[in-house]
């Protein structure tokens, strides 16, 4: 093999096909094929950091464009969840917190419960700072602040914990409350009436996850059923309703990505995860951008900017799958939106006035304590370290790449044959 190569090099020196040119031509053919594939495949990362590269929603939903106006400074998001840990992405983001579970720490920074990492993942998608320029998880509002409010979803009276957590959040400066959890019942306890009305009276925007069919939630449950709450449904990468990571309901306000999300864990590692638990803080961060850009607006008009600028995705107008449509962060921040006098998600005080009197007549509008679940448990998370492609992505990349390599080797074989033939003619001369 080596002798043959040397022979070809001598025979063609100065005028023919040298080994160096042959290798360059073959390498070029392979690179061209691979380059064309990389340019057409969404599974190939384009930047230096795999975690940041995976955050497709920053561009697809206008979030990065909205940062040209604001990054959410001065707005505070309370994350009522399992506590918020201390990954690098949240350095400087958490400005306060508390614990209502009886099992966490006084500042809300200790993860509690079997899926304790959940709250950290949620917070990272709302207001993560990244880990450097272009690296790590960055939230929709990377300059907003976080209140870490830990509750025990699998211990104690979670209904009362949530009511207390909502009031505490309002009293400690929350502008937004994120609740990536579901009671899995259409109704809610009376204690929530007072707490959520208290939030509405103080112009605090409350967001709730719709839940996930993959976790057994087929229709939204409280707090996502409560008037005035901005309920978030989930969609896949193509903007279609997620089969497993969403649920349906007439109270859905907007839809956002709930598949292939990347979040920060309390220990600083990163995971892929699915669920409206992640879609909700993405929207909460955009709500923070709206508030920062339009500090004069009340809660009703902040929510209206989110719903009025959403890109219609289902039936005309609001529907049970997408609500008012797909989130559009840049439009929510910059578009001309008429002022409204009422929250497009409804009026809780009016609902209470009309419906609660019937409870005394034997109505079943109020249920007893019910277990509250996160909209997507951590056990469904998929570790990413180096982002691992799905079988579909492997097929999308691997099959064309194999074809490209086969073509390259055929071309290479042809070039080798041509070089040998040329060398033979040179020897005969």
Protein backbone atom coordinates (compact mmCIF):
# COMPACT_ATOMS: atom_id res chain seq x y z
CA UNK A 1 0.00 0.00 0.00
CA UNK A 2 2.73 2.46 0.95
CA UNK A 3 4.90 1.54 -2.01
CA UNK A 4 2.03 1.99 -4.37
CA UNK A 5 1.28 5.39 -2.95
CA UNK A 6 4.90 6.44 -3.29
CA UNK A 7 4.97 5.18 -6.87
CA UNK A 8 1.93 7.23 -7.80
CA UNK A 9 3.48 10.29 -6.17
CA UNK A 10 6.67 9.95 -8.24
CA UNK A 11 4.86 9.27 -11.48
CA UNK A 12 2.58 12.25 -11.17
CA UNK A 13 4.97 14.80 -9.69
CA UNK A 14 4.51 18.27 -11.14
CA UNK A 15 1.65 17.38 -13.47
CA UNK A 16 -0.63 14.69 -12.20
CA UNK A 17 -2.68 13.48 -9.23
CA UNK A 18 -0.37 13.35 -6.18
CA UNK A 19 -1.15 11.49 -2.96
CA UNK A 20 -1.48 14.83 -1.17
CA UNK A 21 -4.04 16.04 -3.72
CA UNK A 22 -5.84 12.72 -3.58
CA UNK A 23 -6.17 12.88 0.20
CA UNK A 24 -7.26 16.53 0.03
CA UNK A 25 -9.88 15.75 -2.59
CA UNK A 26 -11.22 12.82 -0.59
CA UNK A 27 -11.30 14.83 2.65
CA UNK A 28 -12.98 17.68 0.82
CA UNK A 29 -15.68 15.40 -0.50
CA UNK A 30 -16.37 14.09 2.99
CA UNK A 31 -16.42 17.58 4.52
CA UNK A 32 -18.75 18.91 1.85
CA UNK A 33 -21.16 16.04 2.45
CA UNK A 34 -20.99 16.45 6.22
CA UNK A 35 -21.23 20.22 5.93
CA UNK A 36 -24.40 20.04 3.87
CA UNK A 37 -25.85 17.65 6.44
CA UNK A 38 -24.94 19.90 9.37
CA UNK A 39 -26.53 22.87 7.68
CA UNK A 40 -29.84 21.06 7.27
CA UNK A 41 -30.11 19.12 10.53
CA UNK A 42 -31.62 20.66 13.69
CA UNK A 43 -29.87 18.04 15.82
CA UNK A 44 -26.40 19.46 15.16
CA UNK A 45 -25.32 22.13 17.65
CA UNK A 46 -24.25 25.43 16.13
CA UNK A 47 -22.45 27.02 19.08
CA UNK A 48 -19.75 26.26 21.60
CA UNK A 49 -22.03 25.32 24.51
CA UNK A 50 -24.38 22.36 24.14
CA UNK A 51 -26.68 23.47 26.97
CA UNK A 52 -27.23 26.95 25.58
CA UNK A 53 -27.52 25.56 22.04
CA UNK A 54 -30.38 23.33 23.17
CA UNK A 55 -32.53 26.30 24.22
CA UNK A 56 -34.33 26.57 20.90
CA UNK A 57 -37.22 28.54 22.40
CA UNK A 58 -35.08 31.64 22.90
CA UNK A 59 -35.16 32.30 19.16
CA UNK A 60 -38.27 30.39 18.10
CA UNK A 61 -40.50 32.33 20.52
CA UNK A 62 -38.97 35.81 20.17
CA UNK A 63 -37.36 35.84 23.60
CA UNK A 64 -33.87 36.77 22.46
CA UNK A 65 -35.35 39.55 20.32
CA UNK A 66 -37.27 40.87 23.33
CA UNK A 67 -33.98 41.21 25.21
CA UNK A 68 -33.14 44.11 22.92
CA UNK A 69 -35.81 45.99 24.89
CA UNK A 70 -35.50 44.53 28.40
CA UNK A 71 -34.12 41.53 30.27
CA UNK A 72 -36.57 41.79 33.17
CA UNK A 73 -34.60 43.84 35.68
CA UNK A 74 -36.64 45.06 38.64
CA UNK A 75 -39.29 42.30 38.43
CA UNK A 76 -39.60 39.54 41.04
CA UNK A 77 -40.93 36.03 40.36
CA UNK A 78 -42.00 33.83 43.28
CA UNK A 79 -41.44 30.15 42.51
CA UNK A 80 -43.85 28.19 44.74
CA UNK A 81 -42.42 24.72 44.39
CA UNK A 82 -40.01 22.29 46.05
CA UNK A 83 -37.37 24.88 46.89
CA UNK A 84 -34.70 26.49 44.74
CA UNK A 85 -31.17 25.13 44.93
CA UNK A 86 -27.90 26.86 44.14
CA UNK A 87 -26.60 26.05 40.65
CA UNK A 88 -24.28 28.64 39.09
CA UNK A 89 -27.14 29.79 36.85
CA UNK A 90 -29.00 31.18 39.85
CA UNK A 91 -26.10 33.03 41.48
CA UNK A 92 -27.45 36.46 42.38
CA UNK A 93 -30.95 35.65 41.16
CA UNK A 94 -32.61 34.56 44.44
CA UNK A 95 -33.36 37.57 46.64
CA UNK A 96 -35.45 35.91 49.35
CA UNK A 97 -37.47 32.89 50.29
CA UNK A 98 -39.16 30.79 52.94
CA UNK A 99 -40.38 27.27 53.64
CA UNK A 100 -43.93 26.09 54.34
CA UNK A 101 -43.23 22.36 54.20
CA UNK A 102 -41.60 22.09 57.62
CA UNK A 103 -38.83 20.07 55.98
CA UNK A 104 -36.86 22.71 54.11
CA UNK A 105 -34.63 25.59 55.18
CA UNK A 106 -35.85 29.00 56.29
CA UNK A 107 -34.69 30.63 53.04
CA UNK A 108 -36.43 28.15 50.71
CA UNK A 109 -33.12 27.08 49.19
CA UNK A 110 -33.18 23.44 50.33
CA UNK A 111 -34.92 21.06 47.90
CA UNK A 112 -37.70 19.09 49.62
CA UNK A 113 -39.67 15.99 48.69
CA UNK A 114 -38.95 13.09 46.37
CA UNK A 115 -38.69 15.40 43.36
CA UNK A 116 -36.89 18.18 45.20
CA UNK A 117 -34.93 19.32 42.14
CA UNK A 118 -38.15 20.42 40.43
CA UNK A 119 -38.18 23.96 41.83
CA UNK A 120 -34.59 24.60 40.76
CA UNK A 121 -35.32 23.51 37.21
CA UNK A 122 -38.35 25.80 37.13
CA UNK A 123 -36.42 28.81 38.47
CA UNK A 124 -33.61 28.31 35.95
CA UNK A 125 -36.01 28.57 33.02
CA UNK A 126 -37.62 31.71 34.40
CA UNK A 127 -34.57 33.73 35.46
CA UNK A 128 -31.39 31.71 35.01
CA UNK A 129 -28.27 33.82 34.39
CA UNK A 130 -26.29 31.24 32.44
CA UNK A 131 -22.77 30.26 33.48
CA UNK A 132 -20.91 32.67 31.24
CA UNK A 133 -21.20 34.37 27.89
CA UNK A 134 -23.19 31.95 25.76
CA UNK A 135 -23.08 29.04 28.20
CA UNK A 136 -25.42 27.40 30.70
CA UNK A 137 -29.17 27.73 31.16
CA UNK A 138 -30.50 31.25 30.69
CA UNK A 139 -34.06 32.12 31.62
CA UNK A 140 -36.61 34.12 29.66
CA UNK A 141 -35.92 37.03 32.03
CA UNK A 142 -32.23 36.71 32.95
CA UNK A 143 -32.22 39.89 35.05
CA UNK A 144 -35.42 39.21 37.00
CA UNK A 145 -35.25 38.15 40.66
CA UNK A 146 -36.51 34.97 42.30
CA UNK A 147 -38.29 34.32 45.60
CA UNK A 148 -37.74 30.68 46.62
CA UNK A 149 -40.91 29.41 48.34
CA UNK A 150 -40.72 25.74 49.25
CA UNK A 151 -43.79 23.61 49.94
CA UNK A 152 -44.21 19.88 50.60
CA UNK A 153 -46.30 18.48 47.79
CA UNK A 154 -46.26 15.00 49.30
CA UNK A 155 -46.42 15.94 52.99
CA UNK A 156 -48.80 17.82 55.25
CA UNK A 157 -51.73 19.96 54.13
CA UNK A 158 -50.48 21.08 50.73
CA UNK A 159 -53.69 23.07 50.13
CA UNK A 160 -53.01 25.29 53.13
CA UNK A 161 -49.31 25.49 52.33
CA UNK A 162 -50.14 26.86 48.89
CA UNK A 163 -52.59 29.41 50.27
CA UNK A 164 -50.00 30.59 52.79
CA UNK A 165 -47.27 30.61 50.13
CA UNK A 166 -49.32 32.82 47.81
CA UNK A 167 -49.99 35.38 50.56
CA UNK A 168 -46.35 35.34 51.70
CA UNK A 169 -45.16 35.90 48.13
CA UNK A 170 -47.42 38.93 47.68
CA UNK A 171 -46.34 40.40 51.01
CA UNK A 172 -42.66 39.96 50.16
CA UNK A 173 -42.65 41.75 46.84
CA UNK A 174 -43.59 39.20 44.21
CA UNK A 175 -44.82 40.67 40.94
CA UNK A 176 -45.37 37.22 39.46
CA UNK A 177 -46.14 33.84 41.03
CA UNK A 178 -45.17 30.68 39.16
CA UNK A 179 -46.99 27.45 40.09
CA UNK A 180 -45.77 24.48 38.07
CA UNK A 181 -48.11 22.08 39.87
CA UNK A 182 -51.65 20.79 39.70
CA UNK A 183 -54.22 19.67 42.26
CA UNK A 184 -55.75 17.39 39.62
CA UNK A 185 -59.24 18.55 40.54
CA UNK A 186 -61.35 21.15 38.78
CA UNK A 187 -62.27 22.76 42.11
CA UNK A 188 -60.14 24.17 44.89
CA UNK A 189 -60.44 24.85 48.63
CA UNK A 190 -62.01 28.03 49.98
CA UNK A 191 -58.64 29.04 51.45
CA UNK A 192 -57.42 29.54 47.88
CA UNK A 193 -60.24 32.01 47.22
CA UNK A 194 -58.82 34.42 49.74
CA UNK A 195 -55.17 33.89 48.83
CA UNK A 196 -55.58 34.22 45.07
CA UNK A 197 -57.95 37.18 45.44
CA UNK A 198 -55.28 38.79 47.62
CA UNK A 199 -52.78 38.34 44.76
CA UNK A 200 -55.22 39.79 42.21
CA UNK A 201 -55.95 42.78 44.45
CA UNK A 202 -52.22 43.52 44.51
CA UNK A 203 -51.79 43.16 40.73
CA UNK A 204 -49.67 40.03 41.05
CA UNK A 205 -49.80 37.83 37.94
CA UNK A 206 -50.28 34.15 38.81
CA UNK A 207 -49.30 31.46 36.29
CA UNK A 208 -50.15 27.76 36.51
CA UNK A 209 -49.19 24.70 34.50
CA UNK A 210 -51.91 22.89 32.55
CA UNK A 211 -50.47 19.48 33.49
CA UNK A 212 -49.41 16.55 31.33
CA UNK A 213 -51.25 13.62 29.85
CA UNK A 214 -48.07 11.59 30.33
CA UNK A 215 -48.45 12.08 34.09
CA UNK A 216 -52.16 11.26 34.09
CA UNK A 217 -53.58 14.79 33.79
CA UNK A 218 -55.89 14.88 30.78
CA UNK A 219 -57.77 18.03 31.70
CA UNK A 220 -56.44 20.98 33.62
CA UNK A 221 -56.85 21.07 37.38
CA UNK A 222 -56.63 23.83 39.97
CA UNK A 223 -54.94 26.26 40.20
CA UNK A 224 -55.05 26.23 36.39
CA UNK A 225 -58.86 26.25 36.50
CA UNK A 226 -59.09 29.38 38.63
CA UNK A 227 -60.36 32.62 37.02
CA UNK A 228 -57.64 35.21 36.58
CA UNK A 229 -54.79 32.68 36.48
CA UNK A 230 -52.70 32.54 33.28
CA UNK A 231 -52.69 28.84 32.44
CA UNK A 232 -49.91 27.51 30.22
CA UNK A 233 -50.27 24.55 27.84
CA UNK A 234 -47.37 22.75 26.17
CA UNK A 235 -46.26 22.24 22.56
CA UNK A 236 -43.54 20.25 20.85
CA UNK A 237 -40.62 21.64 18.82
CA UNK A 238 -42.88 22.03 15.78
CA UNK A 239 -45.42 24.10 17.73
CA UNK A 240 -48.01 21.32 17.84
CA UNK A 241 -49.80 20.35 21.03
CA UNK A 242 -47.62 17.92 22.96
CA UNK A 243 -49.08 14.45 23.13
CA UNK A 244 -47.67 13.69 26.59
CA UNK A 245 -46.48 17.05 27.93
CA UNK A 246 -49.74 19.03 27.94
CA UNK A 247 -53.42 18.79 28.84
CA UNK A 248 -56.62 20.42 27.61
CA UNK A 249 -59.04 22.82 29.21
CA UNK A 250 -61.20 25.88 28.60
CA UNK A 251 -59.04 27.93 30.98
CA UNK A 252 -55.82 27.67 28.97
CA UNK A 253 -54.40 31.09 28.15
CA UNK A 254 -51.27 30.49 26.08
CA UNK A 255 -49.05 27.66 24.84
CA UNK A 256 -45.26 27.42 25.11
CA UNK A 257 -42.55 24.77 24.59
CA UNK A 258 -42.85 21.74 26.87
CA UNK A 259 -40.63 19.20 25.08
CA UNK A 260 -36.86 18.92 24.88
CA UNK A 261 -36.34 21.52 27.60
CA UNK A 262 -33.02 21.91 29.38
CA UNK A 263 -32.79 23.00 33.01
CA UNK A 264 -30.27 23.39 35.82
CA UNK A 265 -30.26 20.96 38.76
CA UNK A 266 -29.45 21.94 42.36
CA UNK A 267 -25.99 20.35 42.04
CA UNK A 268 -25.17 22.35 38.91
CA UNK A 269 -25.67 19.54 36.39
CA UNK A 270 -28.11 19.85 33.52
CA UNK A 271 -30.99 17.66 32.38
CA UNK A 272 -33.40 17.41 29.53
CA UNK A 273 -37.02 17.37 30.65
CA UNK A 274 -40.55 17.56 29.31
CA UNK A 275 -43.69 19.06 30.78
CA UNK A 276 -45.78 22.16 31.28
CA UNK A 277 -43.76 22.54 34.48
CA UNK A 278 -41.09 23.96 32.16
CA UNK A 279 -43.40 25.76 29.74
CA UNK A 280 -44.88 27.80 32.61
CA UNK A 281 -41.66 29.47 33.84
CA UNK A 282 -40.71 30.24 30.24
CA UNK A 283 -43.93 32.25 30.05
CA UNK A 284 -43.42 33.66 33.56
CA UNK A 285 -40.11 35.09 32.39
CA UNK A 286 -41.81 36.71 29.42
CA UNK A 287 -44.43 38.19 31.77
CA UNK A 288 -41.47 39.70 33.64
CA UNK A 289 -40.20 41.21 30.38
CA UNK A 290 -43.62 42.76 29.75
CA UNK A 291 -43.75 44.19 33.26
CA UNK A 292 -40.26 45.64 32.97
CA UNK A 293 -41.05 47.21 29.59
CA UNK A 294 -44.50 48.48 30.68
CA UNK A 295 -44.36 49.22 34.43
CA UNK A 296 -47.57 51.26 34.20
CA UNK A 297 -49.75 48.23 33.41
CA UNK A 298 -51.92 46.39 35.91
CA UNK A 299 -52.06 42.58 36.02
CA UNK A 300 -55.04 42.36 33.66
CA UNK A 301 -53.24 44.33 30.96
CA UNK A 302 -49.97 42.46 31.44
CA UNK A 303 -51.81 39.18 30.88
CA UNK A 304 -53.69 40.71 27.97
CA UNK A 305 -50.41 41.54 26.22
CA UNK A 306 -49.43 37.87 26.45
CA UNK A 307 -52.75 36.55 25.13
CA UNK A 308 -53.44 39.29 22.56
CA UNK A 309 -50.06 38.88 20.86
CA UNK A 310 -50.03 35.06 20.89
CA UNK A 311 -49.81 33.43 17.45
CA UNK A 312 -53.04 31.57 16.72
CA UNK A 313 -52.37 27.85 16.49
CA UNK A 314 -55.72 26.06 16.69
CA UNK A 315 -59.27 27.14 16.00
CA UNK A 316 -59.74 30.90 15.50
CA UNK A 317 -59.69 32.65 18.85
CA UNK A 318 -59.14 30.81 22.12
CA UNK A 319 -59.46 27.02 22.19
CA UNK A 320 -59.02 24.20 24.67
CA UNK A 321 -55.63 23.10 23.30
CA UNK A 322 -53.58 26.27 22.72
CA UNK A 323 -55.62 28.92 24.52
CA UNK A 324 -55.11 32.16 22.60
CA UNK A 325 -52.12 30.66 20.77
CA UNK A 326 -48.35 30.29 20.87
CA UNK A 327 -46.26 32.63 22.99
CA UNK A 328 -44.61 35.52 21.10
CA UNK A 329 -42.29 37.31 23.52
CA UNK A 330 -41.12 40.09 21.22
CA UNK A 331 -44.67 41.00 20.21
CA UNK A 332 -45.81 40.87 23.84
CA UNK A 333 -43.14 43.43 24.73
CA UNK A 334 -43.31 45.71 21.69
CA UNK A 335 -46.70 45.49 19.95
CA UNK A 336 -49.42 48.11 20.15
CA UNK A 337 -52.07 46.46 22.32
CA UNK A 338 -55.32 48.23 23.28
CA UNK A 339 -55.97 48.72 26.99
CA UNK A 340 -58.53 46.40 28.60
CA UNK A 341 -60.65 46.81 31.69
CA UNK A 342 -60.91 43.11 32.57
CA UNK A 343 -58.50 40.21 32.86
CA UNK A 344 -58.94 38.00 29.75
CA UNK A 345 -58.54 34.96 32.02
CA UNK A 346 -61.58 35.90 34.10
CA UNK A 347 -62.47 37.49 37.43
CA UNK A 348 -62.04 35.37 40.54
CA UNK A 349 -63.96 37.76 42.79
CA UNK A 350 -66.97 37.58 40.51
CA UNK A 351 -66.75 33.80 40.34
CA UNK A 352 -66.74 33.64 44.13
CA UNK A 353 -69.74 35.98 44.35
CA UNK A 354 -71.77 33.87 41.94
CA UNK A 355 -70.70 30.36 42.93
CA UNK A 356 -69.71 30.17 46.59
CA UNK A 357 -73.21 30.83 47.98
CA UNK A 358 -74.28 27.52 46.43
CA UNK A 359 -71.74 25.62 48.54
CA UNK A 360 -73.98 26.00 51.57
CA UNK A 361 -76.78 24.32 49.62
CA UNK A 362 -74.87 21.07 49.24
CA UNK A 363 -72.96 21.84 46.08
CA UNK A 364 -69.76 19.89 45.48
CA UNK A 365 -67.82 22.90 44.24
CA UNK A 366 -65.37 22.53 47.11
CA UNK A 367 -63.51 19.29 47.64
CA UNK A 368 -61.56 18.13 50.64
CA UNK A 369 -57.78 18.14 50.68
CA UNK A 370 -56.34 16.60 47.54
CA UNK A 371 -52.76 15.63 46.74
CA UNK A 372 -50.98 18.28 44.74
CA UNK A 373 -48.55 17.10 42.13
CA UNK A 374 -45.92 18.77 40.04
CA UNK A 375 -46.96 18.94 36.43
CA UNK A 376 -43.94 16.84 35.46
CA UNK A 377 -42.04 14.73 38.03
CA UNK A 378 -38.26 14.80 38.03
CA UNK A 379 -38.08 11.05 37.47
CA UNK A 380 -39.05 11.70 33.87
CA UNK A 381 -35.99 13.85 33.32
CA UNK A 382 -33.32 12.62 30.94
CA UNK A 383 -29.73 13.44 31.97
CA UNK A 384 -27.86 15.29 29.27
CA UNK A 385 -24.26 15.92 30.38
CA UNK A 386 -23.35 15.84 26.73
CA UNK A 387 -26.73 16.26 25.09
CA UNK A 388 -27.88 12.82 23.99
CA UNK A 389 -29.89 12.75 20.74
CA UNK A 390 -33.18 10.93 20.60
CA UNK A 391 -33.64 7.88 18.34
CA UNK A 392 -35.45 10.12 15.84
CA UNK A 393 -32.56 12.59 15.82
CA UNK A 394 -30.11 9.74 15.39
CA UNK A 395 -32.11 8.57 12.40
CA UNK A 396 -32.33 12.10 11.00
CA UNK A 397 -28.58 12.57 11.26
CA UNK A 398 -27.16 9.06 11.06
CA UNK A 399 -28.90 7.82 7.91
CA UNK A 400 -28.00 10.85 5.75
CA UNK A 401 -24.47 10.88 7.22
CA UNK A 402 -24.00 7.21 6.33
CA UNK A 403 -25.19 7.96 2.81
CA UNK A 404 -22.84 10.93 2.56
CA UNK A 405 -19.89 8.84 3.72
CA UNK A 406 -20.69 6.08 1.24
CA UNK A 407 -20.76 8.63 -1.57
CA UNK A 408 -17.46 10.06 -0.34
CA UNK A 409 -15.82 6.62 -0.29
CA UNK A 410 -17.10 5.87 -3.79
CA UNK A 411 -15.60 9.14 -4.98
CA UNK A 412 -12.40 8.28 -3.13
CA UNK A 413 -12.23 4.86 -4.75
CA UNK A 414 -12.70 6.41 -8.15
CA UNK A 415 -9.91 8.91 -7.48
CA UNK A 416 -7.55 6.16 -6.29
CA UNK A 417 -8.30 4.10 -9.40
CA UNK A 418 -7.75 7.10 -11.62
CA UNK A 419 -4.46 7.85 -9.88
CA UNK A 420 -3.23 4.27 -10.35
CA UNK A 421 -4.19 4.28 -14.01
CA UNK A 422 -2.42 7.57 -14.50
CA UNK A 423 0.65 6.20 -12.73
CA UNK A 424 0.64 3.13 -15.02
CA UNK A 425 0.57 5.29 -18.13
CA UNK A 426 3.42 7.39 -16.71
CA UNK A 427 5.57 4.26 -16.21
CA UNK A 428 4.93 3.07 -19.79
CA UNK A 429 6.18 6.40 -21.08
